[in-house]
């Protein structure tokens, strides 16, 4: 195992579970802090992956996505999160069948005062609104005052509006320090926007980035969300609403929000919505306002770029991002 590790040929060998145990032992005993540990690079079985999990104690970034892990793995990981002076800052468990039981076990580690996790990614982990209740409880844990957790990605899970409602209880807690929340394709509707708008108006809210892409929010959702965006307490700088079934009516609502004094919004993503030329025209009213602070806007918003550049912009506008189209997007 030492020879394979030093020669860089480890991924070429199909490791048996006992060999994985030996590898984990070597990495743990070396006391070397790894910048990144990608479990997928090890060619082994489900049981072998389980034997390698303790290695996360020695790394800053653990990529455990697509490794056939189950809720049972979360108990081992929770133990690792409670390691004194743990270097682990980022944990990616995406595309594993953890379920709500897995999140419950993982939160035992997350609520430990020894836990230093800043980024937690749980994309497509087969979790439901029940996990949101568990995570909310973790975000409000007293020993997590000044919690290191800053980024939470729960995309492609069946959370629903009930899940967002539960999650917002934690987001409005003075103990929560989440700055980036990603809820792409979480089966939520316009009803969640009212709850989120309320959360955005929390005094001293740390939330800076919100991604609600690929949810059926509609124009009504944007209308509700803008109640929070126009609040002087809102600190959102990046808002992503790609393919949220929006029309030109949302552009009028957003244009009004962009003209709100001290609006903090810097980046706006509206790709793959049916805005049309009318939507562009309405949005430009907000973009040309001296109160608008938008610096980055998705290119695919525009059906007529001529209209965009004829309108003129505030000095703050610096970038028009390019979205993949056609074959590139596929």
C-alpha atoms as a PDB file:
ATOM      1  CA  UNK A   1       0.000   0.000   0.000  1.00  0.00           C
ATOM      2  CA  UNK A   2       2.865   2.389   0.783  1.00  0.00           C
ATOM      3  CA  UNK A   3       4.511   1.634  -2.562  1.00  0.00           C
ATOM      4  CA  UNK A   4       1.282   2.258  -4.485  1.00  0.00           C
ATOM      5  CA  UNK A   5       0.609   5.431  -2.535  1.00  0.00           C
ATOM      6  CA  UNK A   6       4.033   6.930  -3.238  1.00  0.00           C
ATOM      7  CA  UNK A   7       4.146   5.830  -6.893  1.00  0.00           C
ATOM      8  CA  UNK A   8       0.738   7.289  -7.700  1.00  0.00           C
ATOM      9  CA  UNK A   9      -0.575   3.990  -9.088  1.00  0.00           C
ATOM     10  CA  UNK A  10      -3.188   3.494  -6.381  1.00  0.00           C
ATOM     11  CA  UNK A  11      -6.181   4.142  -8.664  1.00  0.00           C
ATOM     12  CA  UNK A  12      -5.005   1.434 -11.080  1.00  0.00           C
ATOM     13  CA  UNK A  13      -5.472  -1.310  -8.508  1.00  0.00           C
ATOM     14  CA  UNK A  14      -8.800  -2.785  -7.408  1.00  0.00           C
ATOM     15  CA  UNK A  15      -8.558  -2.507  -3.642  1.00  0.00           C
ATOM     16  CA  UNK A  16     -10.028  -5.137  -1.344  1.00  0.00           C
ATOM     17  CA  UNK A  17     -11.700  -3.979   1.898  1.00  0.00           C
ATOM     18  CA  UNK A  18      -8.733  -5.047   4.029  1.00  0.00           C
ATOM     19  CA  UNK A  19      -6.389  -3.110   1.731  1.00  0.00           C
ATOM     20  CA  UNK A  20      -8.603  -0.050   2.176  1.00  0.00           C
ATOM     21  CA  UNK A  21      -8.249  -0.452   5.928  1.00  0.00           C
ATOM     22  CA  UNK A  22      -4.487  -0.543   5.503  1.00  0.00           C
ATOM     23  CA  UNK A  23      -4.538   2.567   3.332  1.00  0.00           C
ATOM     24  CA  UNK A  24      -6.718   4.432   5.838  1.00  0.00           C
ATOM     25  CA  UNK A  25      -4.315   3.453   8.617  1.00  0.00           C
ATOM     26  CA  UNK A  26      -1.306   4.746   6.670  1.00  0.00           C
ATOM     27  CA  UNK A  27      -2.950   8.082   5.909  1.00  0.00           C
ATOM     28  CA  UNK A  28      -4.143   8.559   9.476  1.00  0.00           C
ATOM     29  CA  UNK A  29      -0.789   7.649  11.019  1.00  0.00           C
ATOM     30  CA  UNK A  30       1.154   9.966   8.712  1.00  0.00           C
ATOM     31  CA  UNK A  31      -0.576  12.946  10.392  1.00  0.00           C
ATOM     32  CA  UNK A  32      -0.214  14.797   7.097  1.00  0.00           C
ATOM     33  CA  UNK A  33      -3.066  17.192   6.347  1.00  0.00           C
ATOM     34  CA  UNK A  34      -4.426  16.532   2.856  1.00  0.00           C
ATOM     35  CA  UNK A  35      -5.738  19.469   0.839  1.00  0.00           C
ATOM     36  CA  UNK A  36      -8.312  17.179  -0.790  1.00  0.00           C
ATOM     37  CA  UNK A  37      -9.447  13.589  -0.401  1.00  0.00           C
ATOM     38  CA  UNK A  38     -11.539  12.311  -3.313  1.00  0.00           C
ATOM     39  CA  UNK A  39     -12.959   8.929  -2.378  1.00  0.00           C
ATOM     40  CA  UNK A  40     -13.900   8.194  -6.003  1.00  0.00           C
ATOM     41  CA  UNK A  41     -10.243   7.967  -6.995  1.00  0.00           C
ATOM     42  CA  UNK A  42      -9.990   4.727  -5.024  1.00  0.00           C
ATOM     43  CA  UNK A  43     -11.035   1.712  -7.066  1.00  0.00           C
ATOM     44  CA  UNK A  44     -12.907  -0.406  -4.555  1.00  0.00           C
ATOM     45  CA  UNK A  45     -16.274  -1.752  -3.439  1.00  0.00           C
ATOM     46  CA  UNK A  46     -18.990  -0.259  -1.236  1.00  0.00           C
ATOM     47  CA  UNK A  47     -17.442  -1.974   1.775  1.00  0.00           C
ATOM     48  CA  UNK A  48     -14.037  -0.614   0.796  1.00  0.00           C
ATOM     49  CA  UNK A  49     -15.387   2.935   0.691  1.00  0.00           C
ATOM     50  CA  UNK A  50     -16.713   2.445   4.217  1.00  0.00           C
ATOM     51  CA  UNK A  51     -13.243   1.456   5.446  1.00  0.00           C
ATOM     52  CA  UNK A  52     -11.732   4.627   3.961  1.00  0.00           C
ATOM     53  CA  UNK A  53     -14.159   7.102   5.533  1.00  0.00           C
ATOM     54  CA  UNK A  54     -12.019   7.809   8.651  1.00  0.00           C
ATOM     55  CA  UNK A  55      -9.477   9.482   6.331  1.00  0.00           C
ATOM     56  CA  UNK A  56     -11.705  12.593   6.267  1.00  0.00           C
ATOM     57  CA  UNK A  57     -10.223  13.402   9.669  1.00  0.00           C
ATOM     58  CA  UNK A  58      -6.961  14.332   7.949  1.00  0.00           C
ATOM     59  CA  UNK A  59      -8.143  16.480   5.023  1.00  0.00           C
ATOM     60  CA  UNK A  60      -9.463  19.977   4.388  1.00  0.00           C
ATOM     61  CA  UNK A  61     -11.836  19.012   1.577  1.00  0.00           C
ATOM     62  CA  UNK A  62     -13.606  15.650   1.426  1.00  0.00           C
ATOM     63  CA  UNK A  63     -15.283  14.652  -1.846  1.00  0.00           C
ATOM     64  CA  UNK A  64     -17.445  11.632  -1.071  1.00  0.00           C
ATOM     65  CA  UNK A  65     -19.984  12.083  -3.865  1.00  0.00           C
ATOM     66  CA  UNK A  66     -21.208   9.107  -5.933  1.00  0.00           C
ATOM     67  CA  UNK A  67     -19.602   6.514  -3.662  1.00  0.00           C
ATOM     68  CA  UNK A  68     -22.643   4.343  -2.863  1.00  0.00           C
ATOM     69  CA  UNK A  69     -22.763   5.573   0.716  1.00  0.00           C
ATOM     70  CA  UNK A  70     -25.838   5.067   2.903  1.00  0.00           C
ATOM     71  CA  UNK A  71     -27.082   6.467   6.199  1.00  0.00           C
ATOM     72  CA  UNK A  72     -24.771   4.064   8.025  1.00  0.00           C
ATOM     73  CA  UNK A  73     -21.787   6.014   6.672  1.00  0.00           C
ATOM     74  CA  UNK A  74     -23.036   9.157   8.394  1.00  0.00           C
ATOM     75  CA  UNK A  75     -22.360   7.738  11.843  1.00  0.00           C
ATOM     76  CA  UNK A  76     -18.675   7.302  10.960  1.00  0.00           C
ATOM     77  CA  UNK A  77     -18.573  10.786   9.445  1.00  0.00           C
ATOM     78  CA  UNK A  78     -20.267  12.349  12.484  1.00  0.00           C
ATOM     79  CA  UNK A  79     -17.506  10.879  14.627  1.00  0.00           C
ATOM     80  CA  UNK A  80     -14.880  12.342  12.286  1.00  0.00           C
ATOM     81  CA  UNK A  81     -16.464  15.806  12.533  1.00  0.00           C
ATOM     82  CA  UNK A  82     -15.944  15.734  16.289  1.00  0.00           C
ATOM     83  CA  UNK A  83     -12.176  15.238  16.017  1.00  0.00           C
ATOM     84  CA  UNK A  84     -10.295  17.898  18.022  1.00  0.00           C
ATOM     85  CA  UNK A  85      -8.617  20.482  15.751  1.00  0.00           C
ATOM     86  CA  UNK A  86     -10.103  18.845  12.666  1.00  0.00           C
ATOM     87  CA  UNK A  87      -8.856  20.471   9.415  1.00  0.00           C
ATOM     88  CA  UNK A  88     -12.043  19.486   7.542  1.00  0.00           C
ATOM     89  CA  UNK A  89     -13.774  22.537   6.067  1.00  0.00           C
ATOM     90  CA  UNK A  90     -15.748  21.182   3.101  1.00  0.00           C
ATOM     91  CA  UNK A  91     -17.811  17.987   2.918  1.00  0.00           C
ATOM     92  CA  UNK A  92     -19.526  16.836  -0.290  1.00  0.00           C
ATOM     93  CA  UNK A  93     -21.852  13.840   0.048  1.00  0.00           C
ATOM     94  CA  UNK A  94     -23.820  14.373  -3.147  1.00  0.00           C
ATOM     95  CA  UNK A  95     -25.543  11.579  -5.060  1.00  0.00           C
ATOM     96  CA  UNK A  96     -25.529   9.105  -2.195  1.00  0.00           C
ATOM     97  CA  UNK A  97     -28.622   7.438  -0.718  1.00  0.00           C
ATOM     98  CA  UNK A  98     -28.327   8.969   2.763  1.00  0.00           C
ATOM     99  CA  UNK A  99     -31.985   9.735   3.386  1.00  0.00           C
ATOM    100  CA  UNK A 100     -33.328  11.660   6.364  1.00  0.00           C
ATOM    101  CA  UNK A 101     -31.812   9.119   8.744  1.00  0.00           C
ATOM    102  CA  UNK A 102     -28.368   9.923   7.362  1.00  0.00           C
ATOM    103  CA  UNK A 103     -28.838  13.661   7.915  1.00  0.00           C
ATOM    104  CA  UNK A 104     -29.995  12.984  11.464  1.00  0.00           C
ATOM    105  CA  UNK A 105     -26.824  11.033  12.213  1.00  0.00           C
ATOM    106  CA  UNK A 106     -24.612  13.591  10.473  1.00  0.00           C
ATOM    107  CA  UNK A 107     -26.049  16.432  12.551  1.00  0.00           C
ATOM    108  CA  UNK A 108     -24.651  14.813  15.686  1.00  0.00           C
ATOM    109  CA  UNK A 109     -21.251  15.821  14.344  1.00  0.00           C
ATOM    110  CA  UNK A 110     -22.370  19.170  12.942  1.00  0.00           C
ATOM    111  CA  UNK A 111     -23.632  20.315  16.334  1.00  0.00           C
ATOM    112  CA  UNK A 112     -20.345  19.490  18.037  1.00  0.00           C
ATOM    113  CA  UNK A 113     -18.290  22.510  19.165  1.00  0.00           C
ATOM    114  CA  UNK A 114     -15.299  20.697  17.621  1.00  0.00           C
ATOM    115  CA  UNK A 115     -16.824  20.733  14.121  1.00  0.00           C
ATOM    116  CA  UNK A 116     -15.198  23.157  11.659  1.00  0.00           C
ATOM    117  CA  UNK A 117     -17.275  22.470   8.525  1.00  0.00           C
ATOM    118  CA  UNK A 118     -17.842  25.604   6.416  1.00  0.00           C
ATOM    119  CA  UNK A 119     -19.408  24.015   3.315  1.00  0.00           C
ATOM    120  CA  UNK A 120     -21.881  21.120   3.313  1.00  0.00           C
ATOM    121  CA  UNK A 121     -23.150  19.712  -0.004  1.00  0.00           C
ATOM    122  CA  UNK A 122     -26.027  17.226   0.037  1.00  0.00           C
ATOM    123  CA  UNK A 123     -27.156  17.276  -3.604  1.00  0.00           C
ATOM    124  CA  UNK A 124     -29.558  14.450  -4.526  1.00  0.00           C
ATOM    125  CA  UNK A 125     -29.214  12.529  -1.265  1.00  0.00           C
ATOM    126  CA  UNK A 126     -32.832  11.322  -1.209  1.00  0.00           C
ATOM    127  CA  UNK A 127     -33.779  13.617   1.650  1.00  0.00           C
ATOM    128  CA  UNK A 128     -37.165  15.231   2.375  1.00  0.00           C
ATOM    129  CA  UNK A 129     -38.624  18.051   4.474  1.00  0.00           C
ATOM    130  CA  UNK A 130     -37.831  15.999   7.584  1.00  0.00           C
ATOM    131  CA  UNK A 131     -34.123  16.681   7.020  1.00  0.00           C
ATOM    132  CA  UNK A 132     -34.867  20.418   6.961  1.00  0.00           C
ATOM    133  CA  UNK A 133     -36.313  20.185  10.457  1.00  0.00           C
ATOM    134  CA  UNK A 134     -33.195  18.344  11.640  1.00  0.00           C
ATOM    135  CA  UNK A 135     -30.852  20.853   9.966  1.00  0.00           C
ATOM    136  CA  UNK A 136     -32.835  23.764  11.399  1.00  0.00           C
ATOM    137  CA  UNK A 137     -32.334  22.367  14.862  1.00  0.00           C
ATOM    138  CA  UNK A 138     -28.602  22.069  14.169  1.00  0.00           C
ATOM    139  CA  UNK A 139     -28.385  25.672  12.905  1.00  0.00           C
ATOM    140  CA  UNK A 140     -29.893  26.888  16.187  1.00  0.00           C
ATOM    141  CA  UNK A 141     -27.672  24.848  18.495  1.00  0.00           C
ATOM    142  CA  UNK A 142     -26.275  27.147  21.224  1.00  0.00           C
ATOM    143  CA  UNK A 143     -22.764  25.681  21.043  1.00  0.00           C
ATOM    144  CA  UNK A 144     -22.725  26.654  17.373  1.00  0.00           C
ATOM    145  CA  UNK A 145     -22.710  30.358  18.166  1.00  0.00           C
ATOM    146  CA  UNK A 146     -20.475  31.791  15.467  1.00  0.00           C
ATOM    147  CA  UNK A 147     -20.952  28.479  13.665  1.00  0.00           C
ATOM    148  CA  UNK A 148     -18.393  27.893  10.894  1.00  0.00           C
ATOM    149  CA  UNK A 149     -21.110  26.601   8.495  1.00  0.00           C
ATOM    150  CA  UNK A 150     -21.420  29.188   5.724  1.00  0.00           C
ATOM    151  CA  UNK A 151     -22.627  27.305   2.640  1.00  0.00           C
ATOM    152  CA  UNK A 152     -25.451  24.760   2.397  1.00  0.00           C
ATOM    153  CA  UNK A 153     -26.439  23.032  -0.848  1.00  0.00           C
ATOM    154  CA  UNK A 154     -29.588  20.868  -0.741  1.00  0.00           C
ATOM    155  CA  UNK A 155     -30.301  20.801  -4.481  1.00  0.00           C
ATOM    156  CA  UNK A 156     -32.237  18.032  -6.228  1.00  0.00           C
ATOM    157  CA  UNK A 157     -33.968  16.793  -3.101  1.00  0.00           C
ATOM    158  CA  UNK A 158     -37.727  16.569  -2.547  1.00  0.00           C
ATOM    159  CA  UNK A 159     -37.934  19.254   0.141  1.00  0.00           C
ATOM    160  CA  UNK A 160     -41.083  20.996  -1.033  1.00  0.00           C
ATOM    161  CA  UNK A 161     -42.554  24.161   0.441  1.00  0.00           C
ATOM    162  CA  UNK A 162     -42.794  22.488   3.840  1.00  0.00           C
ATOM    163  CA  UNK A 163     -39.050  21.897   3.826  1.00  0.00           C
ATOM    164  CA  UNK A 164     -38.283  25.539   3.034  1.00  0.00           C
ATOM    165  CA  UNK A 165     -40.685  26.674   5.754  1.00  0.00           C
ATOM    166  CA  UNK A 166     -38.835  24.541   8.306  1.00  0.00           C
ATOM    167  CA  UNK A 167     -35.416  25.604   7.021  1.00  0.00           C
ATOM    168  CA  UNK A 168     -36.286  29.290   7.321  1.00  0.00           C
ATOM    169  CA  UNK A 169     -36.828  28.847  11.052  1.00  0.00           C
ATOM    170  CA  UNK A 170     -33.122  28.118  11.300  1.00  0.00           C
ATOM    171  CA  UNK A 171     -32.129  30.852   8.839  1.00  0.00           C
ATOM    172  CA  UNK A 172     -33.828  33.508  10.964  1.00  0.00           C
ATOM    173  CA  UNK A 173     -32.049  32.390  14.117  1.00  0.00           C
ATOM    174  CA  UNK A 174     -29.341  34.778  15.414  1.00  0.00           C
ATOM    175  CA  UNK A 175     -27.153  31.690  15.833  1.00  0.00           C
ATOM    176  CA  UNK A 176     -27.211  30.875  12.096  1.00  0.00           C
ATOM    177  CA  UNK A 177     -24.379  32.111   9.849  1.00  0.00           C
ATOM    178  CA  UNK A 178     -25.387  30.640   6.474  1.00  0.00           C
ATOM    179  CA  UNK A 179     -24.232  32.965   3.683  1.00  0.00           C
ATOM    180  CA  UNK A 180     -24.988  30.786   0.640  1.00  0.00           C
ATOM    181  CA  UNK A 181     -28.140  28.685   0.266  1.00  0.00           C
ATOM    182  CA  UNK A 182     -28.657  26.560  -2.855  1.00  0.00           C
ATOM    183  CA  UNK A 183     -32.075  24.971  -3.419  1.00  0.00           C
ATOM    184  CA  UNK A 184     -31.991  24.029  -7.110  1.00  0.00           C
ATOM    185  CA  UNK A 185     -34.898  21.785  -8.190  1.00  0.00           C
ATOM    186  CA  UNK A 186     -36.246  21.139  -4.703  1.00  0.00           C
ATOM    187  CA  UNK A 187     -39.912  20.924  -5.764  1.00  0.00           C
ATOM    188  CA  UNK A 188     -40.794  24.285  -4.272  1.00  0.00           C
ATOM    189  CA  UNK A 189     -43.420  26.786  -5.473  1.00  0.00           C
ATOM    190  CA  UNK A 190     -44.310  30.459  -5.035  1.00  0.00           C
ATOM    191  CA  UNK A 191     -45.430  29.698  -1.474  1.00  0.00           C
ATOM    192  CA  UNK A 192     -41.789  29.248  -0.437  1.00  0.00           C
ATOM    193  CA  UNK A 193     -40.993  32.750  -1.695  1.00  0.00           C
ATOM    194  CA  UNK A 194     -43.172  34.342   0.974  1.00  0.00           C
ATOM    195  CA  UNK A 195     -41.338  32.381   3.665  1.00  0.00           C
ATOM    196  CA  UNK A 196     -37.934  33.246   2.188  1.00  0.00           C
ATOM    197  CA  UNK A 197     -38.885  36.919   1.865  1.00  0.00           C
ATOM    198  CA  UNK A 198     -39.604  36.966   5.580  1.00  0.00           C
ATOM    199  CA  UNK A 199     -36.205  35.353   6.273  1.00  0.00           C
ATOM    200  CA  UNK A 200     -34.452  38.000   4.138  1.00  0.00           C
ATOM    201  CA  UNK A 201     -35.830  40.684   6.435  1.00  0.00           C
ATOM    202  CA  UNK A 202     -34.186  39.239   9.538  1.00  0.00           C
ATOM    203  CA  UNK A 203     -32.000  41.841  11.286  1.00  0.00           C
ATOM    204  CA  UNK A 204     -28.289  41.246  10.585  1.00  0.00           C
ATOM    205  CA  UNK A 205     -29.098  38.366   8.209  1.00  0.00           C
ATOM    206  CA  UNK A 206     -25.833  36.787   6.964  1.00  0.00           C
ATOM    207  CA  UNK A 207     -27.441  35.395   3.771  1.00  0.00           C
ATOM    208  CA  UNK A 208     -25.670  36.783   0.690  1.00  0.00           C
ATOM    209  CA  UNK A 209     -26.397  34.269  -2.086  1.00  0.00           C
ATOM    210  CA  UNK A 210     -29.666  32.489  -2.897  1.00  0.00           C
ATOM    211  CA  UNK A 211     -30.138  30.007  -5.763  1.00  0.00           C
ATOM    212  CA  UNK A 212     -33.722  28.888  -6.456  1.00  0.00           C
ATOM    213  CA  UNK A 213     -33.232  27.685 -10.039  1.00  0.00           C
ATOM    214  CA  UNK A 214     -35.408  25.015 -11.663  1.00  0.00           C
ATOM    215  CA  UNK A 215     -38.334  25.482  -9.296  1.00  0.00           C
ATOM    216  CA  UNK A 216     -41.859  26.455 -10.375  1.00  0.00           C
ATOM    217  CA  UNK A 217     -41.918  29.871  -8.704  1.00  0.00           C
ATOM    218  CA  UNK A 218     -43.630  31.834 -11.446  1.00  0.00           C
ATOM    219  CA  UNK A 219     -44.248  35.587 -11.486  1.00  0.00           C
ATOM    220  CA  UNK A 220     -46.176  35.350  -8.225  1.00  0.00           C
ATOM    221  CA  UNK A 221     -43.079  33.901  -6.543  1.00  0.00           C
ATOM    222  CA  UNK A 222     -40.873  36.784  -7.711  1.00  0.00           C
ATOM    223  CA  UNK A 223     -43.470  39.273  -6.516  1.00  0.00           C
ATOM    224  CA  UNK A 224     -43.409  37.737  -3.043  1.00  0.00           C
ATOM    225  CA  UNK A 225     -39.634  37.425  -2.999  1.00  0.00           C
ATOM    226  CA  UNK A 226     -39.161  41.086  -3.867  1.00  0.00           C
ATOM    227  CA  UNK A 227     -40.898  42.063  -0.636  1.00  0.00           C
ATOM    228  CA  UNK A 228     -37.816  40.747   1.100  1.00  0.00           C
ATOM    229  CA  UNK A 229     -35.333  42.048  -1.498  1.00  0.00           C
ATOM    230  CA  UNK A 230     -36.560  45.626  -1.060  1.00  0.00           C
ATOM    231  CA  UNK A 231     -36.237  45.510   2.711  1.00  0.00           C
ATOM    232  CA  UNK A 232     -33.417  47.661   4.185  1.00  0.00           C
ATOM    233  CA  UNK A 233     -32.504  44.584   6.247  1.00  0.00           C
ATOM    234  CA  UNK A 234     -31.872  42.388   3.182  1.00  0.00           C
ATOM    235  CA  UNK A 235     -28.221  41.624   2.363  1.00  0.00           C
ATOM    236  CA  UNK A 236     -28.659  39.404  -0.715  1.00  0.00           C
ATOM    237  CA  UNK A 237     -25.986  40.134  -3.336  1.00  0.00           C
ATOM    238  CA  UNK A 238     -26.538  37.182  -5.694  1.00  0.00           C
ATOM    239  CA  UNK A 239     -29.946  35.917  -6.794  1.00  0.00           C
ATOM    240  CA  UNK A 240     -30.255  32.987  -9.216  1.00  0.00           C
ATOM    241  CA  UNK A 241     -33.657  32.270 -10.770  1.00  0.00           C
ATOM    242  CA  UNK A 242     -32.801  30.200 -13.853  1.00  0.00           C
ATOM    243  CA  UNK A 243     -35.768  28.387 -15.401  1.00  0.00           C
ATOM    244  CA  UNK A 244     -38.311  29.373 -12.773  1.00  0.00           C
ATOM    245  CA  UNK A 245     -41.210  29.816 -15.238  1.00  0.00           C
ATOM    246  CA  UNK A 246     -40.978  33.601 -15.237  1.00  0.00           C
ATOM    247  CA  UNK A 247     -42.447  36.017 -17.800  1.00  0.00           C
ATOM    248  CA  UNK A 248     -42.095  39.724 -18.516  1.00  0.00           C
ATOM    249  CA  UNK A 249     -44.211  40.455 -15.427  1.00  0.00           C
ATOM    250  CA  UNK A 250     -41.326  39.364 -13.208  1.00  0.00           C
ATOM    251  CA  UNK A 251     -39.059  41.854 -14.979  1.00  0.00           C
ATOM    252  CA  UNK A 252     -41.339  44.723 -14.002  1.00  0.00           C
ATOM    253  CA  UNK A 253     -41.294  43.569 -10.378  1.00  0.00           C
ATOM    254  CA  UNK A 254     -37.505  43.150 -10.368  1.00  0.00           C
ATOM    255  CA  UNK A 255     -36.977  46.512 -12.072  1.00  0.00           C
ATOM    256  CA  UNK A 256     -38.882  48.164  -9.256  1.00  0.00           C
ATOM    257  CA  UNK A 257     -36.771  46.317  -6.685  1.00  0.00           C
ATOM    258  CA  UNK A 258     -33.526  47.385  -8.395  1.00  0.00           C
ATOM    259  CA  UNK A 259     -34.546  51.021  -7.936  1.00  0.00           C
ATOM    260  CA  UNK A 260     -34.922  50.634  -4.192  1.00  0.00           C
ATOM    261  CA  UNK A 261     -32.442  52.823  -2.278  1.00  0.00           C
ATOM    262  CA  UNK A 262     -29.435  50.830  -1.017  1.00  0.00           C
ATOM    263  CA  UNK A 263     -30.522  47.636  -2.828  1.00  0.00           C
ATOM    264  CA  UNK A 264     -27.569  45.244  -2.224  1.00  0.00           C
ATOM    265  CA  UNK A 265     -28.157  43.046  -5.314  1.00  0.00           C
ATOM    266  CA  UNK A 266     -24.980  42.732  -7.438  1.00  0.00           C
ATOM    267  CA  UNK A 267     -25.593  39.614  -9.519  1.00  0.00           C
ATOM    268  CA  UNK A 268     -28.851  38.523 -11.155  1.00  0.00           C
ATOM    269  CA  UNK A 269     -29.380  35.283 -13.107  1.00  0.00           C
ATOM    270  CA  UNK A 270     -32.616  34.875 -15.081  1.00  0.00           C
ATOM    271  CA  UNK A 271     -31.557  32.383 -17.752  1.00  0.00           C
ATOM    272  CA  UNK A 272     -34.027  30.070 -19.496  1.00  0.00           C
ATOM    273  CA  UNK A 273     -37.172  32.030 -18.671  1.00  0.00           C
ATOM    274  CA  UNK A 274     -39.733  33.319 -21.189  1.00  0.00           C
ATOM    275  CA  UNK A 275     -39.084  37.024 -20.619  1.00  0.00           C
ATOM    276  CA  UNK A 276     -39.301  38.202 -24.213  1.00  0.00           C
ATOM    277  CA  UNK A 277     -38.515  41.674 -25.562  1.00  0.00           C
ATOM    278  CA  UNK A 278     -41.136  43.183 -23.291  1.00  0.00           C
ATOM    279  CA  UNK A 279     -39.342  41.728 -20.280  1.00  0.00           C
ATOM    280  CA  UNK A 280     -35.995  43.156 -21.429  1.00  0.00           C
ATOM    281  CA  UNK A 281     -37.550  46.579 -21.894  1.00  0.00           C
ATOM    282  CA  UNK A 282     -39.046  46.534 -18.400  1.00  0.00           C
ATOM    283  CA  UNK A 283     -35.856  45.230 -16.791  1.00  0.00           C
ATOM    284  CA  UNK A 284     -33.791  47.977 -18.422  1.00  0.00           C
ATOM    285  CA  UNK A 285     -35.835  50.556 -16.542  1.00  0.00           C
ATOM    286  CA  UNK A 286     -34.336  49.208 -13.347  1.00  0.00           C
ATOM    287  CA  UNK A 287     -30.857  48.648 -14.771  1.00  0.00           C
ATOM    288  CA  UNK A 288     -30.546  52.264 -15.923  1.00  0.00           C
ATOM    289  CA  UNK A 289     -31.537  53.637 -12.539  1.00  0.00           C
ATOM    290  CA  UNK A 290     -28.736  55.398 -10.621  1.00  0.00           C
ATOM    291  CA  UNK A 291     -29.819  53.347  -7.609  1.00  0.00           C
ATOM    292  CA  UNK A 292     -29.153  50.013  -9.361  1.00  0.00           C
ATOM    293  CA  UNK A 293     -25.985  48.171  -8.279  1.00  0.00           C
ATOM    294  CA  UNK A 294     -26.141  45.165 -10.634  1.00  0.00           C
ATOM    295  CA  UNK A 295     -22.648  44.186 -11.835  1.00  0.00           C
ATOM    296  CA  UNK A 296     -23.326  40.789 -13.437  1.00  0.00           C
ATOM    297  CA  UNK A 297     -26.334  39.757 -15.524  1.00  0.00           C
ATOM    298  CA  UNK A 298     -26.839  36.534 -17.491  1.00  0.00           C
ATOM    299  CA  UNK A 299     -26.576  36.953 -21.243  1.00  0.00           C
ATOM    300  CA  UNK A 300     -29.405  34.532 -22.016  1.00  0.00           C
ATOM    301  CA  UNK A 301     -31.857  37.005 -20.464  1.00  0.00           C
ATOM    302  CA  UNK A 302     -31.689  39.048 -23.643  1.00  0.00           C
ATOM    303  CA  UNK A 303     -33.688  38.153 -26.738  1.00  0.00           C
ATOM    304  CA  UNK A 304     -32.568  41.433 -28.341  1.00  0.00           C
ATOM    305  CA  UNK A 305     -29.088  42.525 -27.295  1.00  0.00           C
ATOM    306  CA  UNK A 306     -29.498  45.713 -29.346  1.00  0.00           C
ATOM    307  CA  UNK A 307     -32.237  46.817 -26.985  1.00  0.00           C
ATOM    308  CA  UNK A 308     -29.925  46.119 -24.070  1.00  0.00           C
ATOM    309  CA  UNK A 309     -27.066  48.304 -25.270  1.00  0.00           C
ATOM    310  CA  UNK A 310     -29.285  51.089 -26.598  1.00  0.00           C
ATOM    311  CA  UNK A 311     -30.740  51.471 -23.132  1.00  0.00           C
ATOM    312  CA  UNK A 312     -27.509  52.458 -21.410  1.00  0.00           C
ATOM    313  CA  UNK A 313     -26.452  51.417 -17.917  1.00  0.00           C
ATOM    314  CA  UNK A 314     -25.413  52.775 -14.575  1.00  0.00           C
ATOM    315  CA  UNK A 315     -21.613  52.967 -14.059  1.00  0.00           C
ATOM    316  CA  UNK A 316     -21.794  49.996 -11.677  1.00  0.00           C
ATOM    317  CA  UNK A 317     -22.696  47.536 -14.458  1.00  0.00           C
ATOM    318  CA  UNK A 318     -19.476  45.723 -15.406  1.00  0.00           C
ATOM    319  CA  UNK A 319     -20.189  42.280 -16.825  1.00  0.00           C
ATOM    320  CA  UNK A 320     -22.612  40.443 -19.080  1.00  0.00           C
ATOM    321  CA  UNK A 321     -22.127  36.730 -18.558  1.00  0.00           C
ATOM    322  CA  UNK A 322     -22.295  34.198 -21.372  1.00  0.00           C
ATOM    323  CA  UNK A 323     -24.542  31.140 -21.046  1.00  0.00           C
ATOM    324  CA  UNK A 324     -24.055  27.948 -23.100  1.00  0.00           C
ATOM    325  CA  UNK A 325     -26.598  27.487 -25.856  1.00  0.00           C
ATOM    326  CA  UNK A 326     -27.728  24.641 -28.086  1.00  0.00           C
ATOM    327  CA  UNK A 327     -25.254  21.779 -28.250  1.00  0.00           C
ATOM    328  CA  UNK A 328     -22.997  23.452 -25.698  1.00  0.00           C
ATOM    329  CA  UNK A 329     -25.748  23.400 -23.071  1.00  0.00           C
ATOM    330  CA  UNK A 330     -26.416  19.711 -23.764  1.00  0.00           C
END
